[in-house]
Amino acid sequence: MQSELTIEVENTVYLDQLLNETEAAEFLCYSVRALQNWRVRGGGPDFIKVSARSIRYCRRDLIAWRDSHRVSSTSQRPNTAQDNKFCPGGVDRTDGDFEGGRGESLLRRNRNRA
């Protein structure tokens, strides 16, 4: 039988393991493209930028992000700290995608062009 210390060390190693984007996407049951979009637009799990072309995710961060999106009914919003992260001036983000974090929705911008 393993000691409690051995089990705790093994759990820590497991939780702090770094995953590449393919492994992270598989762990979360999302596509790699979804993770790439979240990195640009915000709202996804925290990541580690190892170099200009190398991204890693800590399994502990993936679990925390997943747990922050847990709800008990369809009418309940996830309780995430990132809900208003890219929402300048408290602008409602539900009316369309934003470009460049300026708070101008693509929908509104396209309406003005017509």
C-alpha atoms as a PDB file:
ATOM      1  CA  MET A   1       0.000   0.000   0.000  1.00  0.00           C
ATOM      2  CA  GLN A   2       1.286   3.447  -0.924  1.00  0.00           C
ATOM      3  CA  SER A   3       1.864   6.063   1.724  1.00  0.00           C
ATOM      4  CA  GLU A   4      -0.170   9.268   1.762  1.00  0.00           C
ATOM      5  CA  LEU A   5       2.948  11.299   0.939  1.00  0.00           C
ATOM      6  CA  THR A   6       3.624   9.209  -2.176  1.00  0.00           C
ATOM      7  CA  ILE A   7       0.033   9.618  -3.350  1.00  0.00           C
ATOM      8  CA  GLU A   8       0.154  13.383  -2.704  1.00  0.00           C
ATOM      9  CA  VAL A   9       3.402  13.733  -4.690  1.00  0.00           C
ATOM     10  CA  GLU A  10       1.950  11.705  -7.563  1.00  0.00           C
ATOM     11  CA  ASN A  11      -1.184  13.894  -7.581  1.00  0.00           C
ATOM     12  CA  THR A  12       0.923  17.060  -7.599  1.00  0.00           C
ATOM     13  CA  VAL A  13       3.018  15.766 -10.486  1.00  0.00           C
ATOM     14  CA  TYR A  14      -0.145  14.849 -12.399  1.00  0.00           C
ATOM     15  CA  LEU A  15      -1.840  18.224 -11.780  1.00  0.00           C
ATOM     16  CA  ASP A  16       1.251  20.306 -12.611  1.00  0.00           C
ATOM     17  CA  GLN A  17       2.070  18.409 -15.805  1.00  0.00           C
ATOM     18  CA  LEU A  18       2.254  20.631 -18.898  1.00  0.00           C
ATOM     19  CA  LEU A  19       0.182  19.617 -21.923  1.00  0.00           C
ATOM     20  CA  ASN A  20       0.546  20.784 -25.507  1.00  0.00           C
ATOM     21  CA  GLU A  21      -2.524  22.225 -27.217  1.00  0.00           C
ATOM     22  CA  THR A  22      -3.556  18.883 -28.767  1.00  0.00           C
ATOM     23  CA  GLU A  23      -3.428  17.140 -25.395  1.00  0.00           C
ATOM     24  CA  ALA A  24      -5.235  20.053 -23.708  1.00  0.00           C
ATOM     25  CA  ALA A  25      -7.974  20.046 -26.348  1.00  0.00           C
ATOM     26  CA  GLU A  26      -8.423  16.303 -25.907  1.00  0.00           C
ATOM     27  CA  PHE A  27      -8.512  16.677 -22.109  1.00  0.00           C
ATOM     28  CA  LEU A  28     -11.281  19.324 -22.358  1.00  0.00           C
ATOM     29  CA  CYS A  29     -13.114  17.576 -25.234  1.00  0.00           C
ATOM     30  CA  TYR A  30     -12.769  20.672 -27.432  1.00  0.00           C
ATOM     31  CA  SER A  31     -10.983  21.240 -30.712  1.00  0.00           C
ATOM     32  CA  VAL A  32      -7.489  22.672 -30.999  1.00  0.00           C
ATOM     33  CA  ARG A  33      -9.052  25.494 -33.004  1.00  0.00           C
ATOM     34  CA  ALA A  34     -11.307  26.397 -30.049  1.00  0.00           C
ATOM     35  CA  LEU A  35      -8.240  26.736 -27.798  1.00  0.00           C
ATOM     36  CA  GLN A  36      -6.514  28.880 -30.430  1.00  0.00           C
ATOM     37  CA  ASN A  37      -9.549  31.174 -30.666  1.00  0.00           C
ATOM     38  CA  TRP A  38      -9.761  31.517 -26.886  1.00  0.00           C
ATOM     39  CA  ARG A  39      -6.088  32.472 -26.715  1.00  0.00           C
ATOM     40  CA  VAL A  40      -6.733  35.332 -29.142  1.00  0.00           C
ATOM     41  CA  ARG A  41     -10.168  36.458 -27.934  1.00  0.00           C
ATOM     42  CA  GLY A  42      -9.933  35.520 -24.265  1.00  0.00           C
ATOM     43  CA  GLY A  43     -12.289  33.446 -22.170  1.00  0.00           C
ATOM     44  CA  GLY A  44     -10.354  30.191 -22.320  1.00  0.00           C
ATOM     45  CA  PRO A  45      -8.108  28.493 -19.821  1.00  0.00           C
ATOM     46  CA  ASP A  46      -4.836  30.112 -18.746  1.00  0.00           C
ATOM     47  CA  PHE A  47      -1.849  29.027 -20.800  1.00  0.00           C
ATOM     48  CA  ILE A  48       1.926  29.251 -20.736  1.00  0.00           C
ATOM     49  CA  LYS A  49       3.698  30.827 -23.678  1.00  0.00           C
ATOM     50  CA  VAL A  50       7.001  28.926 -23.694  1.00  0.00           C
ATOM     51  CA  SER A  51       8.203  30.649 -26.865  1.00  0.00           C
ATOM     52  CA  ALA A  52       6.717  32.485 -29.834  1.00  0.00           C
ATOM     53  CA  ARG A  53       5.486  29.191 -31.301  1.00  0.00           C
ATOM     54  CA  SER A  54       5.139  26.951 -28.259  1.00  0.00           C
ATOM     55  CA  ILE A  55       2.083  26.970 -26.000  1.00  0.00           C
ATOM     56  CA  ARG A  56       1.519  24.735 -22.984  1.00  0.00           C
ATOM     57  CA  TYR A  57      -1.384  24.268 -20.589  1.00  0.00           C
ATOM     58  CA  CYS A  58      -1.066  23.182 -16.964  1.00  0.00           C
ATOM     59  CA  ARG A  59      -3.545  20.407 -16.195  1.00  0.00           C
ATOM     60  CA  ARG A  60      -4.403  22.183 -12.908  1.00  0.00           C
ATOM     61  CA  ASP A  61      -5.448  25.312 -14.897  1.00  0.00           C
ATOM     62  CA  LEU A  62      -7.575  23.244 -17.279  1.00  0.00           C
ATOM     63  CA  ILE A  63      -9.403  21.651 -14.364  1.00  0.00           C
ATOM     64  CA  ALA A  64      -9.928  25.045 -12.683  1.00  0.00           C
ATOM     65  CA  TRP A  65     -11.286  26.537 -15.938  1.00  0.00           C
ATOM     66  CA  ARG A  66     -13.595  23.571 -16.446  1.00  0.00           C
ATOM     67  CA  ASP A  67     -14.871  23.778 -12.877  1.00  0.00           C
ATOM     68  CA  SER A  68     -15.487  27.535 -13.209  1.00  0.00           C
ATOM     69  CA  HIS A  69     -17.963  26.786 -16.015  1.00  0.00           C
ATOM     70  CA  ARG A  70     -20.014  24.292 -14.018  1.00  0.00           C
ATOM     71  CA  VAL A  71     -23.696  25.234 -13.718  1.00  0.00           C
ATOM     72  CA  SER A  72     -26.765  23.508 -12.311  1.00  0.00           C
ATOM     73  CA  SER A  73     -29.303  24.729 -14.883  1.00  0.00           C
ATOM     74  CA  THR A  74     -29.398  26.156 -18.398  1.00  0.00           C
ATOM     75  CA  SER A  75     -30.545  29.549 -17.099  1.00  0.00           C
ATOM     76  CA  GLN A  76     -27.488  29.925 -14.860  1.00  0.00           C
ATOM     77  CA  ARG A  77     -24.418  31.713 -16.209  1.00  0.00           C
ATOM     78  CA  PRO A  78     -21.005  30.237 -15.468  1.00  0.00           C
ATOM     79  CA  ASN A  79     -19.321  32.012 -12.569  1.00  0.00           C
ATOM     80  CA  THR A  80     -16.097  33.045 -14.295  1.00  0.00           C
ATOM     81  CA  ALA A  81     -13.773  35.909 -13.526  1.00  0.00           C
ATOM     82  CA  GLN A  82     -13.151  36.272 -17.266  1.00  0.00           C
ATOM     83  CA  ASP A  83     -16.770  37.133 -18.156  1.00  0.00           C
ATOM     84  CA  ASN A  84     -16.002  40.867 -18.346  1.00  0.00           C
ATOM     85  CA  LYS A  85     -12.274  40.627 -19.022  1.00  0.00           C
ATOM     86  CA  PHE A  86     -12.515  41.811 -22.634  1.00  0.00           C
ATOM     87  CA  CYS A  87     -15.648  43.863 -22.225  1.00  0.00           C
ATOM     88  CA  PRO A  88     -14.531  47.516 -22.137  1.00  0.00           C
ATOM     89  CA  GLY A  89     -16.901  49.877 -20.379  1.00  0.00           C
ATOM     90  CA  GLY A  90     -19.281  47.085 -19.414  1.00  0.00           C
ATOM     91  CA  VAL A  91     -20.556  46.710 -22.994  1.00  0.00           C
ATOM     92  CA  ASP A  92     -22.765  43.649 -23.449  1.00  0.00           C
ATOM     93  CA  ARG A  93     -20.825  41.058 -25.454  1.00  0.00           C
ATOM     94  CA  THR A  94     -23.905  39.085 -26.489  1.00  0.00           C
ATOM     95  CA  ASP A  95     -24.683  41.207 -29.552  1.00  0.00           C
ATOM     96  CA  GLY A  96     -21.775  39.979 -31.665  1.00  0.00           C
ATOM     97  CA  ASP A  97     -18.067  39.293 -31.769  1.00  0.00           C
ATOM     98  CA  PHE A  98     -15.636  42.047 -30.926  1.00  0.00           C
ATOM     99  CA  GLU A  99     -12.619  42.991 -32.896  1.00  0.00           C
ATOM    100  CA  GLY A 100      -9.429  44.188 -31.310  1.00  0.00           C
ATOM    101  CA  GLY A 101     -10.944  44.453 -27.831  1.00  0.00           C
ATOM    102  CA  ARG A 102     -12.275  47.954 -28.618  1.00  0.00           C
ATOM    103  CA  GLY A 103     -15.846  47.121 -27.683  1.00  0.00           C
ATOM    104  CA  GLU A 104     -17.175  47.683 -31.196  1.00  0.00           C
ATOM    105  CA  SER A 105     -19.198  44.696 -32.301  1.00  0.00           C
ATOM    106  CA  LEU A 106     -18.762  43.356 -35.796  1.00  0.00           C
ATOM    107  CA  LEU A 107     -22.536  43.272 -36.131  1.00  0.00           C
ATOM    108  CA  ARG A 108     -22.861  46.990 -35.340  1.00  0.00           C
ATOM    109  CA  ARG A 109     -19.898  47.871 -37.570  1.00  0.00           C
ATOM    110  CA  ASN A 110     -21.378  45.925 -40.500  1.00  0.00           C
ATOM    111  CA  ARG A 111     -24.778  47.621 -40.025  1.00  0.00           C
ATOM    112  CA  ASN A 112     -23.118  51.021 -40.293  1.00  0.00           C
ATOM    113  CA  ARG A 113     -21.521  50.080 -43.610  1.00  0.00           C
ATOM    114  CA  ALA A 114     -24.847  49.147 -45.232  1.00  0.00           C
END
